[in-house]
Amino acid sequence: MPRYSYVALDARGQESAGVIETPTQNDAITQLRQNGLFPKSIVEESKAPKPKTPKSSGKTPVAEAAKPKKSFTLFQRTTIKGKTLMIFTRQLATLIDAGLPLLRGLTVLSKQEPDPVLKRVIINLAESVQGGSTFSESLNAHPKIFNKLFVNMVKAGELGGVLELVLLRLAEFQEKAQKIKNKVVAAMFYPIIVLVIAIAIMAFLLVFIVPKFEAIFADMLGGRPLPALTSFVISISNVVKDNIFLIIGAGIAAVVAFKFVQRQPKGQEAIDGIMLKAPLFGDLTRKSAISRFSRTLGTLVTSGVPILQALNITRETAGNVVISQAITKVHDAVKEGESVVAPLDASGVFPPMVISMIDVGEETGQLPQMLLKVAEVYDDEVDNAVEGLTSLLEPIMIVFLAVVVGTIVIALFMPLISIISGMQQ
């Protein structure tokens, strides 16, 4: 009877190897599964060398099964993309909801995770959980990957015995937050790209093209005056050409100064206040911030996080200093036993409709559900704002690009028309 060498995983995720005698390879797979093993590879012994049994190194089975290969990197990345974390949360929630133990779910995900940073983190989480730590304590050891919102929601799920439900809520929260973020970025991406292209074209024309036309005009016009628009464009060209490095340095200095001001508390507050009141983009920024606030607070409270702790987490993840200050006032008011509505109304940031919905939710005892409803309403508002902004910006930026390039082209052609007319006469 044929002998088959196999490598398989047991219920704990530990790898084992051996030999089994069965008539066919399919019979070998069936027999292994009946014994509670999950085959990774099965090869007939006559066609392949016998696999060696893994040696014990004193490390946990998770580390032995999923330890990544060591490699030297000069600058090691320590963070991951929001989309990567979102996929991990959804997969872990699905595995736990399907009945797999937490440790087994982490082991499975560590084997298939393509991102090296998250792979290392998942292995560390599995080792920590196997060592006796709670999942929330293990997550808290990686603050660059899992923020306080993530950790506290998991902790509430562990205390309430509904970890799989909390993970599903977290996955939904991350998916919707990522969707809103992508829409806001997409709305701002188009005008920035058009502006960069316009500046690049204008710089190219002023530095390389206009000076050549200036020399042609000097030879062919014989000292006759140039049109006012042409003289203006040539003057700008000379300034840009003679001070190109100074202009680039000034641009870099402006960016550095902006970053410096942004790091100061008062500077960040001023910038965020301007962002909420800015034309065109201000309305989109406000709606996005309100949606984020409502969804974060509603998800935390629904998952069992105490209201004061939920307000602290929401304040830290608000993404806007003005919104954070409003949440701080709400926290202080709730701590004194007062209503949530009054400080929100006094902040001047939240529209009357949001205040009214939160007021109704507070009076009826359904504040978490009402906050999530507000988030859904403002998700739709963000969609509409993005569509409206995009439809408005497209013609504006096209006209802007046409005016910039067209002005330079017209200025260069006006003397040419005069020269051609003189030659015909």
Protein backbone atom coordinates (compact mmCIF):
# COMPACT_ATOMS: atom_id res chain seq x y z
CA MET A 1 0.00 0.00 0.00
CA PRO A 2 1.38 3.47 -0.87
CA ARG A 3 2.88 5.58 1.91
CA TYR A 4 2.28 9.35 1.96
CA SER A 5 4.36 11.92 3.80
CA TYR A 6 2.26 14.78 5.15
CA VAL A 7 2.63 18.14 6.87
CA ALA A 8 -0.52 19.29 8.72
CA LEU A 9 -1.80 21.70 11.37
CA ASP A 10 -3.68 20.65 14.49
CA ALA A 11 -6.52 22.56 16.20
CA ARG A 12 -4.02 24.79 18.06
CA GLY A 13 -2.24 25.74 14.85
CA GLN A 14 0.83 23.62 15.65
CA GLU A 15 2.57 22.06 12.68
CA SER A 16 3.23 18.33 12.64
CA ALA A 17 4.56 15.85 10.09
CA GLY A 18 4.39 12.11 9.57
CA VAL A 19 3.66 9.19 7.27
CA ILE A 20 0.31 7.56 6.54
CA GLU A 21 -0.56 4.42 4.56
CA THR A 22 -3.68 4.71 2.38
CA PRO A 23 -4.68 3.52 -1.09
CA THR A 24 -4.91 7.05 -2.56
CA GLN A 25 -3.98 10.62 -1.75
CA ASN A 26 -7.65 11.56 -1.30
CA ASP A 27 -8.03 8.79 1.29
CA ALA A 28 -5.02 10.24 3.13
CA ILE A 29 -6.61 13.70 3.20
CA THR A 30 -9.89 12.24 4.49
CA GLN A 31 -8.16 10.27 7.23
CA LEU A 32 -6.15 13.27 8.40
CA ARG A 33 -9.26 15.43 8.62
CA GLN A 34 -11.03 12.72 10.62
CA ASN A 35 -8.12 12.87 13.07
CA GLY A 36 -8.60 16.63 13.50
CA LEU A 37 -5.66 17.64 11.33
CA PHE A 38 -5.63 20.16 8.48
CA PRO A 39 -3.20 18.99 5.77
CA LYS A 40 -0.84 21.52 4.19
CA SER A 41 0.95 19.09 1.86
CA ILE A 42 0.71 15.37 1.10
CA VAL A 43 3.32 13.69 -1.13
CA GLU A 44 3.76 10.02 -1.96
CA GLU A 45 6.91 8.77 -0.24
CA SER A 46 8.38 7.25 -3.40
CA LYS A 47 8.20 10.63 -5.17
CA ALA A 48 9.57 12.92 -2.47
CA PRO A 49 11.92 12.74 0.52
CA LYS A 50 10.40 12.23 3.91
CA PRO A 51 9.73 15.58 5.61
CA LYS A 52 11.60 16.25 8.80
CA THR A 53 9.67 16.69 11.99
CA PRO A 54 9.98 20.29 13.21
CA LYS A 55 12.40 20.61 16.11
CA SER A 56 11.28 22.29 19.27
CA SER A 57 13.01 25.62 19.91
CA GLY A 58 11.31 26.47 23.18
CA LYS A 59 9.10 29.06 21.48
CA THR A 60 5.35 29.07 21.20
CA PRO A 61 3.69 27.09 18.39
CA VAL A 62 2.44 30.35 16.89
CA ALA A 63 5.96 31.71 16.60
CA GLU A 64 7.23 28.43 15.11
CA ALA A 65 4.40 28.22 12.60
CA ALA A 66 4.29 31.81 11.43
CA LYS A 67 7.68 33.36 12.19
CA PRO A 68 8.70 35.56 9.23
CA LYS A 69 12.14 35.36 7.70
CA LYS A 70 14.65 37.81 9.10
CA SER A 71 15.83 40.55 6.80
CA PHE A 72 17.86 43.70 7.28
CA THR A 73 16.15 46.99 6.51
CA LEU A 74 17.60 50.43 7.05
CA PHE A 75 14.28 52.19 7.67
CA GLN A 76 11.67 49.83 9.08
CA ARG A 77 8.03 50.82 8.66
CA THR A 78 6.04 50.77 11.91
CA THR A 79 2.56 51.76 10.71
CA ILE A 80 0.02 50.30 8.30
CA LYS A 81 -2.65 51.73 6.03
CA GLY A 82 -6.19 52.16 7.29
CA LYS A 83 -7.46 49.82 4.59
CA THR A 84 -5.07 47.06 5.74
CA LEU A 85 -6.28 47.36 9.35
CA MET A 86 -9.88 47.38 8.14
CA ILE A 87 -9.40 44.09 6.25
CA PHE A 88 -7.69 42.48 9.26
CA THR A 89 -10.52 43.50 11.59
CA ARG A 90 -13.18 42.18 9.21
CA GLN A 91 -11.35 38.86 8.75
CA LEU A 92 -10.79 38.37 12.49
CA ALA A 93 -14.43 39.21 13.24
CA THR A 94 -15.58 36.71 10.62
CA LEU A 95 -13.35 33.92 11.97
CA ILE A 96 -14.45 34.46 15.59
CA ASP A 97 -18.10 34.75 14.56
CA ALA A 98 -17.69 31.40 12.74
CA GLY A 99 -16.69 29.76 16.05
CA LEU A 100 -12.88 29.76 15.89
CA PRO A 101 -11.04 30.60 19.14
CA LEU A 102 -9.24 33.94 19.20
CA LEU A 103 -5.77 32.37 19.25
CA ARG A 104 -6.59 30.11 16.32
CA GLY A 105 -8.00 33.06 14.37
CA LEU A 106 -4.83 35.09 14.94
CA THR A 107 -2.70 32.12 13.87
CA VAL A 108 -4.63 31.69 10.64
CA LEU A 109 -4.41 35.41 9.82
CA SER A 110 -0.69 35.58 10.59
CA LYS A 111 -0.04 32.89 7.96
CA GLN A 112 -1.87 34.69 5.16
CA GLU A 113 -1.17 38.36 5.98
CA PRO A 114 0.88 39.93 3.11
CA ASP A 115 1.81 43.13 4.97
CA PRO A 116 5.08 42.42 6.86
CA VAL A 117 4.41 44.99 9.59
CA LEU A 118 0.93 43.69 10.39
CA LYS A 119 2.20 40.10 10.13
CA ARG A 120 4.76 40.75 12.88
CA VAL A 121 2.12 42.47 15.00
CA ILE A 122 -0.36 39.57 14.64
CA ILE A 123 2.34 37.08 15.67
CA ASN A 124 3.12 39.21 18.73
CA LEU A 125 -0.59 39.42 19.56
CA ALA A 126 -0.94 35.64 19.33
CA GLU A 127 2.11 35.09 21.55
CA SER A 128 0.80 37.60 24.09
CA VAL A 129 -2.67 36.01 24.18
CA GLN A 130 -1.15 32.54 24.51
CA GLY A 131 0.97 33.89 27.37
CA GLY A 132 -2.14 34.79 29.36
CA SER A 133 -2.76 38.45 28.44
CA THR A 134 -6.17 39.66 27.35
CA PHE A 135 -6.66 40.67 23.73
CA SER A 136 -7.15 44.34 24.67
CA GLU A 137 -3.92 44.34 26.71
CA SER A 138 -2.09 42.81 23.75
CA LEU A 139 -3.52 45.45 21.40
CA ASN A 140 -2.54 48.24 23.77
CA ALA A 141 1.12 47.26 23.34
CA HIS A 142 0.94 48.45 19.69
CA PRO A 143 -0.41 52.04 19.86
CA LYS A 144 0.89 52.92 16.39
CA ILE A 145 -1.37 50.26 14.86
CA PHE A 146 -4.38 50.15 17.20
CA ASN A 147 -5.66 53.48 18.54
CA LYS A 148 -7.54 53.98 21.81
CA LEU A 149 -10.89 53.61 20.08
CA PHE A 150 -9.94 50.13 18.85
CA VAL A 151 -8.48 49.03 22.20
CA ASN A 152 -11.35 50.29 24.35
CA MET A 153 -14.03 48.79 22.12
CA VAL A 154 -12.29 45.40 22.29
CA LYS A 155 -11.98 45.75 26.06
CA ALA A 156 -15.72 46.47 26.33
CA GLY A 157 -16.42 43.45 24.12
CA GLU A 158 -14.28 41.21 26.33
CA LEU A 159 -16.00 42.39 29.51
CA GLY A 160 -19.45 41.88 27.97
CA GLY A 161 -18.58 38.56 26.34
CA VAL A 162 -19.46 39.86 22.89
CA LEU A 163 -16.03 40.23 21.32
CA GLU A 164 -17.17 38.98 17.91
CA LEU A 165 -20.03 41.52 17.85
CA VAL A 166 -17.70 44.38 18.82
CA LEU A 167 -15.19 43.36 16.15
CA LEU A 168 -17.96 43.35 13.54
CA ARG A 169 -18.97 46.86 14.65
CA LEU A 170 -15.34 47.95 14.50
CA ALA A 171 -15.02 46.57 10.99
CA GLU A 172 -18.18 48.39 9.88
CA PHE A 173 -16.95 51.59 11.55
CA GLN A 174 -13.58 51.39 9.79
CA GLU A 175 -15.18 50.63 6.41
CA LYS A 176 -17.52 53.62 6.62
CA ALA A 177 -14.80 55.93 7.98
CA GLN A 178 -12.45 54.84 5.18
CA LYS A 179 -15.20 55.43 2.62
CA ILE A 180 -15.79 58.99 3.87
CA LYS A 181 -12.03 59.68 3.96
CA ASN A 182 -11.60 58.46 0.38
CA LYS A 183 -14.43 60.69 -0.83
CA VAL A 184 -13.00 63.79 0.89
CA VAL A 185 -9.51 63.04 -0.50
CA ALA A 186 -10.97 62.50 -3.98
CA ALA A 187 -12.77 65.85 -3.79
CA MET A 188 -9.53 67.68 -2.91
CA PHE A 189 -7.32 65.64 -5.25
CA TYR A 190 -8.69 67.02 -8.52
CA PRO A 191 -8.16 70.76 -7.90
CA ILE A 192 -4.70 70.14 -6.42
CA ILE A 193 -3.61 68.15 -9.48
CA VAL A 194 -4.96 70.80 -11.89
CA LEU A 195 -3.25 73.56 -9.88
CA VAL A 196 0.09 71.71 -9.92
CA ILE A 197 -0.19 71.13 -13.68
CA ALA A 198 -1.02 74.81 -14.26
CA ILE A 199 1.97 75.96 -12.22
CA ALA A 200 4.28 73.50 -14.00
CA ILE A 201 3.13 74.61 -17.47
CA MET A 202 3.36 78.29 -16.54
CA ALA A 203 6.88 77.83 -15.11
CA PHE A 204 8.02 75.98 -18.23
CA LEU A 205 6.69 78.68 -20.55
CA LEU A 206 8.11 81.55 -18.50
CA VAL A 207 11.57 80.01 -17.99
CA PHE A 208 12.22 78.34 -21.37
CA ILE A 209 9.81 79.59 -24.04
CA VAL A 210 9.24 83.30 -23.36
CA PRO A 211 12.99 84.21 -23.27
CA LYS A 212 13.45 82.70 -26.78
CA PHE A 213 10.54 84.74 -28.12
CA GLU A 214 12.00 87.86 -26.45
CA ALA A 215 15.23 87.43 -28.45
CA ILE A 216 13.24 86.90 -31.67
CA PHE A 217 11.19 90.05 -31.06
CA ALA A 218 14.34 92.11 -30.36
CA ASP A 219 15.83 91.07 -33.73
CA MET A 220 12.73 91.40 -35.87
CA LEU A 221 11.02 94.49 -34.42
CA GLY A 222 14.14 96.62 -34.61
CA GLY A 223 13.51 98.49 -31.37
CA ARG A 224 9.79 99.09 -31.89
CA PRO A 225 7.75 98.89 -28.66
CA LEU A 226 6.05 95.65 -27.71
CA PRO A 227 2.34 95.37 -26.79
CA ALA A 228 1.62 96.04 -23.12
CA LEU A 229 0.51 92.42 -22.43
CA THR A 230 3.67 91.04 -24.06
CA SER A 231 5.90 93.39 -22.07
CA PHE A 232 4.11 92.34 -18.87
CA VAL A 233 4.60 88.61 -19.58
CA ILE A 234 8.28 89.14 -20.51
CA SER A 235 8.83 91.08 -17.26
CA ILE A 236 7.34 88.24 -15.23
CA SER A 237 9.46 85.76 -17.19
CA ASN A 238 12.65 87.69 -16.37
CA VAL A 239 11.75 87.82 -12.68
CA VAL A 240 11.01 84.08 -12.55
CA LYS A 241 14.10 83.14 -14.61
CA ASP A 242 16.49 85.31 -12.58
CA ASN A 243 15.08 84.25 -9.18
CA ILE A 244 14.02 80.65 -9.81
CA PHE A 245 16.01 79.23 -6.88
CA LEU A 246 14.81 82.02 -4.59
CA ILE A 247 11.19 81.25 -5.52
CA ILE A 248 11.70 77.52 -4.90
CA GLY A 249 13.35 78.30 -1.55
CA ALA A 250 10.47 80.60 -0.60
CA GLY A 251 8.00 77.81 -1.43
CA ILE A 252 9.90 75.31 0.73
CA ALA A 253 10.14 77.87 3.55
CA ALA A 254 6.38 78.46 3.35
CA VAL A 255 5.71 74.72 3.69
CA VAL A 256 8.11 74.43 6.64
CA ALA A 257 6.53 77.46 8.31
CA PHE A 258 3.05 75.99 7.82
CA LYS A 259 4.16 72.69 9.39
CA PHE A 260 5.71 74.58 12.32
CA VAL A 261 2.55 76.61 12.93
CA GLN A 262 0.46 73.44 12.59
CA ARG A 263 2.40 71.79 15.43
CA GLN A 264 1.62 74.64 17.82
CA PRO A 265 -1.69 74.29 19.75
CA LYS A 266 -2.89 77.78 18.87
CA GLY A 267 -1.71 77.41 15.28
CA GLN A 268 -3.53 74.12 14.80
CA GLU A 269 -6.66 75.62 16.32
CA ALA A 270 -6.51 78.57 13.91
CA ILE A 271 -5.92 76.30 10.89
CA ASP A 272 -8.79 73.97 11.84
CA GLY A 273 -11.08 76.95 12.39
CA ILE A 274 -10.21 78.28 8.93
CA MET A 275 -10.80 74.84 7.41
CA LEU A 276 -14.34 74.77 8.85
CA LYS A 277 -15.13 78.24 7.44
CA ALA A 278 -13.20 78.08 4.16
CA PRO A 279 -15.18 78.69 0.96
CA LEU A 280 -16.04 75.60 -1.07
CA PHE A 281 -14.18 73.14 1.19
CA GLY A 282 -15.44 74.40 4.56
CA ASP A 283 -18.88 72.82 4.29
CA LEU A 284 -17.38 69.47 3.27
CA THR A 285 -14.88 69.56 6.16
CA ARG A 286 -17.63 70.37 8.69
CA LYS A 287 -19.94 67.59 7.49
CA SER A 288 -17.10 65.08 7.48
CA ALA A 289 -16.10 66.06 11.05
CA ILE A 290 -19.71 65.78 12.31
CA SER A 291 -20.09 62.37 10.68
CA ARG A 292 -16.85 61.17 12.30
CA PHE A 293 -17.84 62.50 15.74
CA SER A 294 -21.33 60.94 15.64
CA ARG A 295 -20.16 57.57 14.35
CA THR A 296 -17.24 57.29 16.79
CA LEU A 297 -19.26 58.25 19.88
CA GLY A 298 -22.29 56.18 18.83
CA THR A 299 -20.18 53.08 18.11
CA LEU A 300 -18.31 53.34 21.42
CA VAL A 301 -21.42 53.79 23.57
CA THR A 302 -23.30 51.05 21.69
CA SER A 303 -20.38 48.67 22.33
CA GLY A 304 -20.57 49.24 26.09
CA VAL A 305 -17.87 51.86 26.65
CA PRO A 306 -18.87 54.29 29.46
CA ILE A 307 -20.02 57.69 28.16
CA LEU A 308 -17.23 59.73 29.80
CA GLN A 309 -14.53 57.38 28.52
CA ALA A 310 -16.20 57.36 25.09
CA LEU A 311 -16.16 61.16 25.00
CA ASN A 312 -12.43 61.20 25.85
CA ILE A 313 -11.67 58.74 23.03
CA THR A 314 -13.87 60.66 20.59
CA ARG A 315 -12.07 63.89 21.48
CA GLU A 316 -8.66 62.33 20.79
CA THR A 317 -9.77 60.92 17.43
CA ALA A 318 -11.84 63.91 16.25
CA GLY A 319 -9.20 65.12 13.79
CA ASN A 320 -10.13 68.78 14.32
CA VAL A 321 -9.15 70.95 17.31
CA VAL A 322 -12.38 73.00 17.19
CA ILE A 323 -14.47 69.82 17.34
CA SER A 324 -12.21 68.46 20.12
CA GLN A 325 -12.79 71.58 22.22
CA ALA A 326 -16.54 71.21 21.80
CA ILE A 327 -16.32 67.56 22.92
CA THR A 328 -14.25 68.64 25.95
CA LYS A 329 -17.08 70.95 27.03
CA VAL A 330 -19.58 68.12 26.54
CA HIS A 331 -17.40 65.84 28.69
CA ASP A 332 -17.22 68.42 31.50
CA ALA A 333 -20.98 68.98 31.35
CA VAL A 334 -21.80 65.26 31.47
CA LYS A 335 -19.33 64.81 34.34
CA GLU A 336 -21.32 67.40 36.30
CA GLY A 337 -24.55 65.60 35.50
CA GLU A 338 -25.74 68.03 32.85
CA SER A 339 -27.10 67.46 29.35
CA VAL A 340 -25.04 66.75 26.22
CA VAL A 341 -27.06 69.20 24.13
CA ALA A 342 -26.25 72.54 25.78
CA PRO A 343 -22.44 72.54 25.26
CA LEU A 344 -22.85 71.21 21.70
CA ASP A 345 -25.24 74.04 20.90
CA ALA A 346 -22.95 76.62 22.52
CA SER A 347 -19.95 75.51 20.44
CA GLY A 348 -21.49 76.89 17.24
CA VAL A 349 -19.99 74.01 15.24
CA PHE A 350 -22.95 71.64 15.09
CA PRO A 351 -26.03 72.52 12.99
CA PRO A 352 -29.48 72.82 14.66
CA MET A 353 -30.65 69.57 13.03
CA VAL A 354 -27.85 67.61 14.74
CA ILE A 355 -28.57 69.28 18.08
CA SER A 356 -32.26 68.44 17.78
CA MET A 357 -31.65 64.78 16.92
CA ILE A 358 -29.20 64.35 19.82
CA ASP A 359 -31.67 66.09 22.15
CA VAL A 360 -34.43 63.66 21.14
CA GLY A 361 -32.08 60.70 21.57
CA GLU A 362 -31.07 61.86 25.03
CA GLU A 363 -34.68 62.39 26.15
CA THR A 364 -35.83 59.00 24.84
CA GLY A 365 -32.80 57.10 26.17
CA GLN A 366 -31.68 56.18 22.66
CA LEU A 367 -28.65 58.46 22.33
CA PRO A 368 -26.31 55.82 20.78
CA GLN A 369 -28.86 54.89 18.11
CA MET A 370 -29.57 58.55 17.36
CA LEU A 371 -25.83 59.32 17.05
CA LEU A 372 -25.45 56.51 14.52
CA LYS A 373 -28.49 57.86 12.67
CA VAL A 374 -26.85 61.31 12.54
CA ALA A 375 -23.71 59.67 11.15
CA GLU A 376 -25.73 57.96 8.40
CA VAL A 377 -27.46 61.24 7.51
CA TYR A 378 -24.14 63.08 7.31
CA ASP A 379 -22.55 60.29 5.29
CA ASP A 380 -25.17 61.08 2.65
CA GLU A 381 -24.50 64.80 3.14
CA VAL A 382 -20.79 64.21 2.50
CA ASP A 383 -21.66 62.27 -0.67
CA ASN A 384 -23.79 65.16 -1.92
CA ALA A 385 -21.17 67.74 -0.94
CA VAL A 386 -18.42 65.84 -2.78
CA GLU A 387 -20.54 65.56 -5.94
CA GLY A 388 -21.50 69.23 -5.80
CA LEU A 389 -17.94 70.36 -5.12
CA THR A 390 -16.53 68.23 -7.93
CA SER A 391 -19.11 69.48 -10.45
CA LEU A 392 -18.34 73.06 -9.42
CA LEU A 393 -14.56 72.77 -9.36
CA GLU A 394 -14.13 71.05 -12.71
CA PRO A 395 -15.21 74.04 -14.87
CA ILE A 396 -13.49 76.52 -12.52
CA MET A 397 -10.13 74.74 -12.74
CA ILE A 398 -10.44 74.25 -16.52
CA VAL A 399 -11.12 77.97 -16.99
CA PHE A 400 -8.24 78.83 -14.65
CA LEU A 401 -5.84 76.64 -16.64
CA ALA A 402 -7.07 78.08 -19.94
CA VAL A 403 -6.68 81.67 -18.71
CA VAL A 404 -3.13 81.12 -17.40
CA VAL A 405 -1.83 79.35 -20.50
CA GLY A 406 -3.95 81.38 -22.92
CA THR A 407 -2.70 84.70 -21.58
CA ILE A 408 0.93 83.69 -22.15
CA VAL A 409 0.21 82.33 -25.64
CA ILE A 410 -1.74 85.46 -26.69
CA ALA A 411 1.02 87.70 -25.34
CA LEU A 412 3.56 85.86 -27.51
CA PHE A 413 1.44 85.91 -30.67
CA MET A 414 0.52 89.62 -30.59
CA PRO A 415 4.01 90.82 -31.74
CA LEU A 416 4.12 88.00 -34.31
CA ILE A 417 0.90 89.28 -35.86
CA SER A 418 2.42 92.78 -36.01
CA ILE A 419 5.61 91.42 -37.65
CA ILE A 420 3.66 89.40 -40.26
CA SER A 421 1.51 92.45 -41.09
CA GLY A 422 4.64 94.58 -41.57
CA MET A 423 6.18 91.97 -43.87
CA GLN A 424 3.04 91.83 -46.04
CA GLN A 425 3.04 95.62 -46.43
